[in-house]
Amino acid sequence: MDTVNLAGVETSRFILGSNPFSGFGHQGVDRDLEMTRYYTTQRIKETLFEAEELGITTLLARTGSHMMRILLEYRDEGGKLQWFSQLIPDEGPLENHIRRAHSMNATACHIHGGVMDYLVAQNRTDEVKPLIDLIRELGMIAGIAGHSVRVFEWAEEHLDCDYYMCCYYNPSRRDERPEHVHGADEKYRPEDRDAMVKFIAHASRPVIHYKVLAAGRNDPAEAFSFAAQHLRDGDAVCVGVYLGDDNEMLRKDVELFEQAIAAKV
C-alpha cells in the first residue's frame, strides 16, 4: 500500500471512511436504514481488521458515541488503525468532541464539512480558529472539511491549519443548517468536482480527497483514475464501503486505486 506523509503523519494513501457504518449512504432513507441494519458492531470490526490486512493504516470516523464505542472494542481486540476524527454537529458542543477525540488517542481531528459550509455561509468564521487551537493544544493535527470551494478559499486567506478534507461534490447546501438530512435531495454535478480539483491543484495544505465515488454513483475505475490524476505528493483519498452490496468491495476498491496510482502519468 502506497503511503504519504500528510502534515507530518504517516498514513496509507487510501484511508478508510466510515459513513456507511453510521448509516450515511447519501442514497435515500431506505438505503441509510439498510446500511444501519447491515453494519452491526461485529461487521464493522471485521471490516476494520480487513482494512489492516490490505495495508490501510488509517480510519476516518466520527466522534459520535456509536463509532467511539466500536473503536474501543476494536482496539481492545488488538486493532491498530490510527484514527482521524471528524467533529460532528450533534451530541453537544464541538469542544467536547475535540476532548473525546483526544481521550481516545486520535491522531488527527477536523471540523465536519457541513459545519464549515454553515459557518462560512453564516459569516461565523470567528468560531473556527479557537477549535483549531484546541485540537493542536491537545496534540492532534488539525484540519477542516468542506463541500464548497468557498470554504477553502476562505481558509487560504484566514486560517492556519494542517490539512483540508475536500469533497468532490456539494450535493446539498448547508447554508441554513450544518447537519446532513437523511433523504435530502442530493445533486452530484461534474462541474463541482472540476471546481474542487482546480482548487486542490494550488492548495497550500495537504488534502484528503473524499466522496470521490459520488456516494456510489460513479464507476469505481473512472473515479479512482480521476482522483489519482489529481492527487499531489502529500494527498490521500478517503473511501467508505458498503459490503452488503459486495463483501469484496474493500479489496476491489484498494486494487483499483493502486492500479490508478500506478498508471498515473
Protein backbone atom coordinates (compact mmCIF):
# COMPACT_ATOMS: atom_id res chain seq x y z
CA MET A 1 0.00 0.00 0.00
CA ASP A 2 1.32 3.42 -1.01
CA THR A 3 1.91 5.75 1.96
CA VAL A 4 2.27 9.51 2.28
CA ASN A 5 3.41 11.98 4.89
CA LEU A 6 0.28 14.04 5.50
CA ALA A 7 1.03 17.09 7.64
CA GLY A 8 3.73 15.15 9.47
CA VAL A 9 1.69 11.98 9.91
CA GLU A 10 2.49 8.80 8.00
CA THR A 11 -0.70 7.35 6.52
CA SER A 12 -1.75 4.94 3.83
CA ARG A 13 -2.78 6.91 0.77
CA PHE A 14 -6.11 5.04 0.86
CA ILE A 15 -7.94 5.98 4.08
CA LEU A 16 -11.00 4.01 5.13
CA GLY A 17 -14.10 6.16 5.57
CA SER A 18 -16.98 5.30 7.88
CA ASN A 19 -20.17 6.98 6.65
CA PRO A 20 -21.81 3.65 5.75
CA PHE A 21 -21.02 2.32 9.26
CA SER A 22 -23.20 5.11 10.67
CA GLY A 23 -25.98 4.80 8.11
CA PHE A 24 -25.00 7.78 5.96
CA GLY A 25 -25.38 6.32 2.48
CA HIS A 26 -26.44 9.52 0.68
CA GLN A 27 -28.78 7.35 -1.41
CA GLY A 28 -32.11 7.84 0.36
CA VAL A 29 -33.72 6.95 3.68
CA ASP A 30 -34.29 3.28 2.84
CA ARG A 31 -30.66 2.84 1.85
CA ASP A 32 -29.50 4.51 5.07
CA LEU A 33 -31.60 2.07 7.11
CA GLU A 34 -30.29 -0.87 5.09
CA MET A 35 -26.70 0.13 5.89
CA THR A 36 -27.51 0.67 9.56
CA ARG A 37 -29.03 -2.81 9.82
CA TYR A 38 -26.18 -4.46 7.95
CA TYR A 39 -23.33 -2.84 9.84
CA THR A 40 -23.53 -4.45 13.23
CA THR A 41 -20.66 -3.83 15.62
CA GLN A 42 -19.16 -7.19 14.69
CA ARG A 43 -19.29 -6.49 10.95
CA ILE A 44 -17.71 -3.08 11.39
CA LYS A 45 -14.87 -4.55 13.43
CA GLU A 46 -14.35 -7.26 10.80
CA THR A 47 -14.12 -4.55 8.13
CA LEU A 48 -11.54 -2.64 10.15
CA PHE A 49 -9.38 -5.74 10.55
CA GLU A 50 -9.71 -6.47 6.83
CA ALA A 51 -8.51 -2.93 6.13
CA GLU A 52 -5.40 -3.62 8.19
CA GLU A 53 -4.71 -6.79 6.20
CA LEU A 54 -4.93 -4.78 2.96
CA GLY A 55 -2.30 -2.32 4.18
CA ILE A 56 -4.61 0.52 5.18
CA THR A 57 -3.30 2.30 8.26
CA THR A 58 -5.92 4.98 8.89
CA LEU A 59 -9.63 5.17 9.67
CA LEU A 60 -11.58 8.39 9.34
CA ALA A 61 -14.58 8.28 11.67
CA ARG A 62 -16.98 10.49 13.55
CA THR A 63 -16.65 11.49 17.21
CA GLY A 64 -20.18 10.28 17.95
CA SER A 65 -20.80 7.75 20.71
CA HIS A 66 -21.64 4.99 18.18
CA MET A 67 -18.26 4.95 16.44
CA MET A 68 -16.29 5.64 19.61
CA ARG A 69 -17.83 2.59 21.30
CA ILE A 70 -16.89 0.43 18.32
CA LEU A 71 -13.37 1.86 18.24
CA LEU A 72 -12.94 0.98 21.90
CA GLU A 73 -13.90 -2.65 21.29
CA TYR A 74 -11.79 -2.84 18.15
CA ARG A 75 -8.71 -1.58 19.97
CA ASP A 76 -9.31 -3.87 22.93
CA GLU A 77 -9.21 -6.73 20.41
CA GLY A 78 -5.86 -5.59 19.03
CA GLY A 79 -6.91 -3.17 16.29
CA LYS A 80 -4.14 -0.88 15.10
CA LEU A 81 -5.67 1.61 12.64
CA GLN A 82 -4.90 5.20 13.58
CA TRP A 83 -7.93 7.45 13.93
CA PHE A 84 -8.52 10.68 12.05
CA SER A 85 -11.51 12.04 13.95
CA GLN A 86 -14.33 14.11 12.49
CA LEU A 87 -16.17 16.53 14.75
CA ILE A 88 -19.93 16.24 14.31
CA PRO A 89 -22.65 18.87 14.70
CA ASP A 90 -24.68 16.90 17.24
CA GLU A 91 -24.20 15.29 20.67
CA GLY A 92 -23.07 18.52 22.29
CA PRO A 93 -20.54 21.33 21.75
CA LEU A 94 -17.66 20.78 19.34
CA GLU A 95 -15.15 21.47 22.12
CA ASN A 96 -16.48 18.38 23.90
CA HIS A 97 -15.96 16.33 20.75
CA ILE A 98 -12.37 17.50 20.48
CA ARG A 99 -11.76 16.29 24.02
CA ARG A 100 -13.48 13.00 23.16
CA ALA A 101 -11.10 12.53 20.26
CA HIS A 102 -8.12 13.26 22.49
CA SER A 103 -9.34 10.83 25.15
CA MET A 104 -9.31 8.07 22.52
CA ASN A 105 -5.83 8.97 21.23
CA ALA A 106 -6.94 10.34 17.88
CA THR A 107 -4.05 11.26 15.62
CA ALA A 108 -5.91 14.00 13.78
CA CYS A 109 -9.11 15.96 14.21
CA HIS A 110 -11.05 18.07 11.73
CA ILE A 111 -14.21 20.14 11.66
CA HIS A 112 -17.10 18.48 9.80
CA GLY A 113 -17.72 19.67 6.24
CA GLY A 114 -21.32 20.59 6.91
CA VAL A 115 -20.26 22.68 9.90
CA MET A 116 -17.65 24.54 7.87
CA ASP A 117 -20.09 25.13 5.00
CA TYR A 118 -22.56 26.54 7.52
CA LEU A 119 -20.10 28.75 9.42
CA VAL A 120 -18.73 30.30 6.23
CA ALA A 121 -22.24 30.89 4.84
CA GLN A 122 -23.39 32.46 8.12
CA ASN A 123 -20.28 34.67 8.49
CA ARG A 124 -19.44 32.92 11.75
CA THR A 125 -15.88 32.04 10.84
CA ASP A 126 -14.59 33.57 14.08
CA GLU A 127 -15.67 30.28 15.71
CA VAL A 128 -13.19 28.21 13.71
CA LYS A 129 -9.76 29.28 14.98
CA PRO A 130 -10.46 28.51 18.68
CA LEU A 131 -11.41 24.96 17.68
CA ILE A 132 -8.24 24.52 15.62
CA ASP A 133 -6.18 25.90 18.50
CA LEU A 134 -7.74 23.45 20.97
CA ILE A 135 -7.11 20.49 18.66
CA ARG A 136 -3.44 21.42 18.43
CA GLU A 137 -3.12 22.12 22.15
CA LEU A 138 -4.24 18.54 22.76
CA GLY A 139 -1.54 17.18 20.45
CA MET A 140 -3.53 16.31 17.33
CA ILE A 141 -3.04 17.66 13.83
CA ALA A 142 -5.92 19.95 12.93
CA GLY A 143 -7.96 20.29 9.78
CA ILE A 144 -11.22 21.37 8.21
CA ALA A 145 -13.56 19.65 5.79
CA GLY A 146 -15.94 21.22 3.32
CA HIS A 147 -18.18 20.59 0.34
CA SER A 148 -17.88 24.09 -1.10
CA VAL A 149 -14.76 25.59 -2.66
CA ARG A 150 -15.51 28.86 -0.90
CA VAL A 151 -14.75 27.19 2.47
CA PHE A 152 -11.18 26.57 1.39
CA GLU A 153 -10.82 29.91 -0.37
CA TRP A 154 -11.68 31.49 2.97
CA ALA A 155 -9.24 29.18 4.79
CA GLU A 156 -6.39 30.03 2.42
CA GLU A 157 -6.76 33.68 3.39
CA HIS A 158 -7.64 33.45 7.07
CA LEU A 159 -6.83 30.11 8.71
CA ASP A 160 -3.70 28.29 9.81
CA CYS A 161 -4.48 24.56 9.92
CA ASP A 162 -2.67 21.35 8.99
CA TYR A 163 -4.85 19.72 6.33
CA TYR A 164 -8.01 20.02 4.28
CA MET A 165 -10.76 17.45 3.65
CA CYS A 166 -12.04 18.42 0.20
CA CYS A 167 -15.30 16.91 -1.03
CA TYR A 168 -15.54 16.40 -4.77
CA TYR A 169 -19.24 17.31 -4.71
CA ASN A 170 -21.56 19.76 -2.98
CA PRO A 171 -24.69 17.59 -3.05
CA SER A 172 -26.90 19.57 -0.66
CA ARG A 173 -26.21 23.09 0.56
CA ARG A 174 -25.60 23.55 4.27
CA ASP A 175 -26.13 27.32 4.38
CA GLU A 176 -29.04 27.12 6.83
CA ARG A 177 -28.12 24.07 8.92
CA PRO A 178 -24.90 22.06 9.28
CA GLU A 179 -26.42 18.60 9.75
CA HIS A 180 -26.99 16.09 6.98
CA VAL A 181 -30.70 15.45 6.42
CA HIS A 182 -31.49 11.80 5.69
CA GLY A 183 -33.39 11.60 2.43
CA ALA A 184 -32.49 15.10 1.26
CA ASP A 185 -32.42 15.65 -2.48
CA GLU A 186 -28.75 15.45 -3.45
CA LYS A 187 -27.10 16.50 -6.70
CA TYR A 188 -23.70 15.23 -7.82
CA ARG A 189 -22.57 17.64 -10.53
CA PRO A 190 -19.42 17.10 -12.62
CA GLU A 191 -18.76 20.82 -12.51
CA ASP A 192 -18.47 20.67 -8.70
CA ARG A 193 -15.78 18.00 -8.98
CA ASP A 194 -13.92 20.01 -11.61
CA ALA A 195 -14.03 23.15 -9.45
CA MET A 196 -12.73 21.32 -6.39
CA VAL A 197 -9.77 19.67 -8.09
CA LYS A 198 -8.90 23.02 -9.70
CA PHE A 199 -8.66 24.45 -6.19
CA ILE A 200 -6.72 21.45 -4.86
CA ALA A 201 -4.04 21.87 -7.51
CA HIS A 202 -2.89 25.07 -5.79
CA ALA A 203 -3.94 24.43 -2.16
CA SER A 204 -1.36 25.34 0.45
CA ARG A 205 -2.20 22.36 2.67
CA PRO A 206 -2.22 18.59 2.07
CA VAL A 207 -5.66 17.37 1.05
CA ILE A 208 -7.73 14.28 1.80
CA HIS A 209 -9.99 13.87 -1.24
CA TYR A 210 -13.43 12.49 -0.32
CA LYS A 211 -16.68 11.44 -1.95
CA VAL A 212 -14.57 10.58 -4.98
CA LEU A 213 -17.16 7.91 -5.86
CA ALA A 214 -20.08 10.36 -5.53
CA ALA A 215 -21.56 8.15 -2.78
CA GLY A 216 -21.59 5.09 -5.05
CA ARG A 217 -22.83 6.86 -8.19
CA ASN A 218 -19.55 6.93 -10.15
CA ASP A 219 -17.93 4.00 -11.90
CA PRO A 220 -15.13 2.99 -9.49
CA ALA A 221 -12.45 2.58 -12.16
CA GLU A 222 -13.17 6.06 -13.59
CA ALA A 223 -13.45 7.62 -10.14
CA PHE A 224 -10.13 6.27 -8.88
CA SER A 225 -8.39 7.14 -12.13
CA PHE A 226 -9.69 10.72 -11.90
CA ALA A 227 -8.64 11.01 -8.24
CA ALA A 228 -5.18 9.59 -8.95
CA GLN A 229 -4.58 12.20 -11.62
CA HIS A 230 -5.33 14.98 -9.13
CA LEU A 231 -3.53 13.64 -6.04
CA ARG A 232 -0.45 15.64 -5.15
CA ASP A 233 2.54 14.14 -3.32
CA GLY A 234 1.13 14.60 0.20
CA ASP A 235 -2.53 13.93 -0.60
CA ALA A 236 -4.72 10.90 0.19
CA VAL A 237 -8.23 9.67 -0.56
CA CYS A 238 -10.95 8.65 1.89
CA VAL A 239 -13.40 5.97 0.77
CA GLY A 240 -16.24 4.25 2.61
CA VAL A 241 -17.58 0.86 1.58
CA TYR A 242 -20.90 -0.93 1.90
CA LEU A 243 -20.04 -4.63 2.00
CA GLY A 244 -23.73 -5.53 1.97
CA ASP A 245 -23.60 -5.00 -1.79
CA ASP A 246 -20.35 -6.89 -2.29
CA ASN A 247 -18.33 -8.45 0.52
CA GLU A 248 -15.16 -8.00 -1.55
CA MET A 249 -15.75 -4.31 -2.22
CA LEU A 250 -12.95 -3.06 0.02
CA ARG A 251 -10.34 -5.31 -1.59
CA LYS A 252 -11.58 -4.41 -5.07
CA ASP A 253 -11.52 -0.69 -4.33
CA VAL A 254 -7.97 -0.89 -2.97
CA GLU A 255 -6.85 -2.81 -6.07
CA LEU A 256 -8.49 -0.28 -8.41
CA PHE A 257 -6.94 2.60 -6.52
CA GLU A 258 -3.47 1.07 -6.58
CA GLN A 259 -3.81 0.39 -10.31
CA ALA A 260 -4.85 4.00 -10.87
CA ILE A 261 -1.85 5.29 -8.90
CA ALA A 262 0.50 3.01 -10.86
CA ALA A 263 -0.96 4.26 -14.15
CA LYS A 264 -0.74 7.93 -13.21
CA VAL A 265 1.06 9.98 -15.85
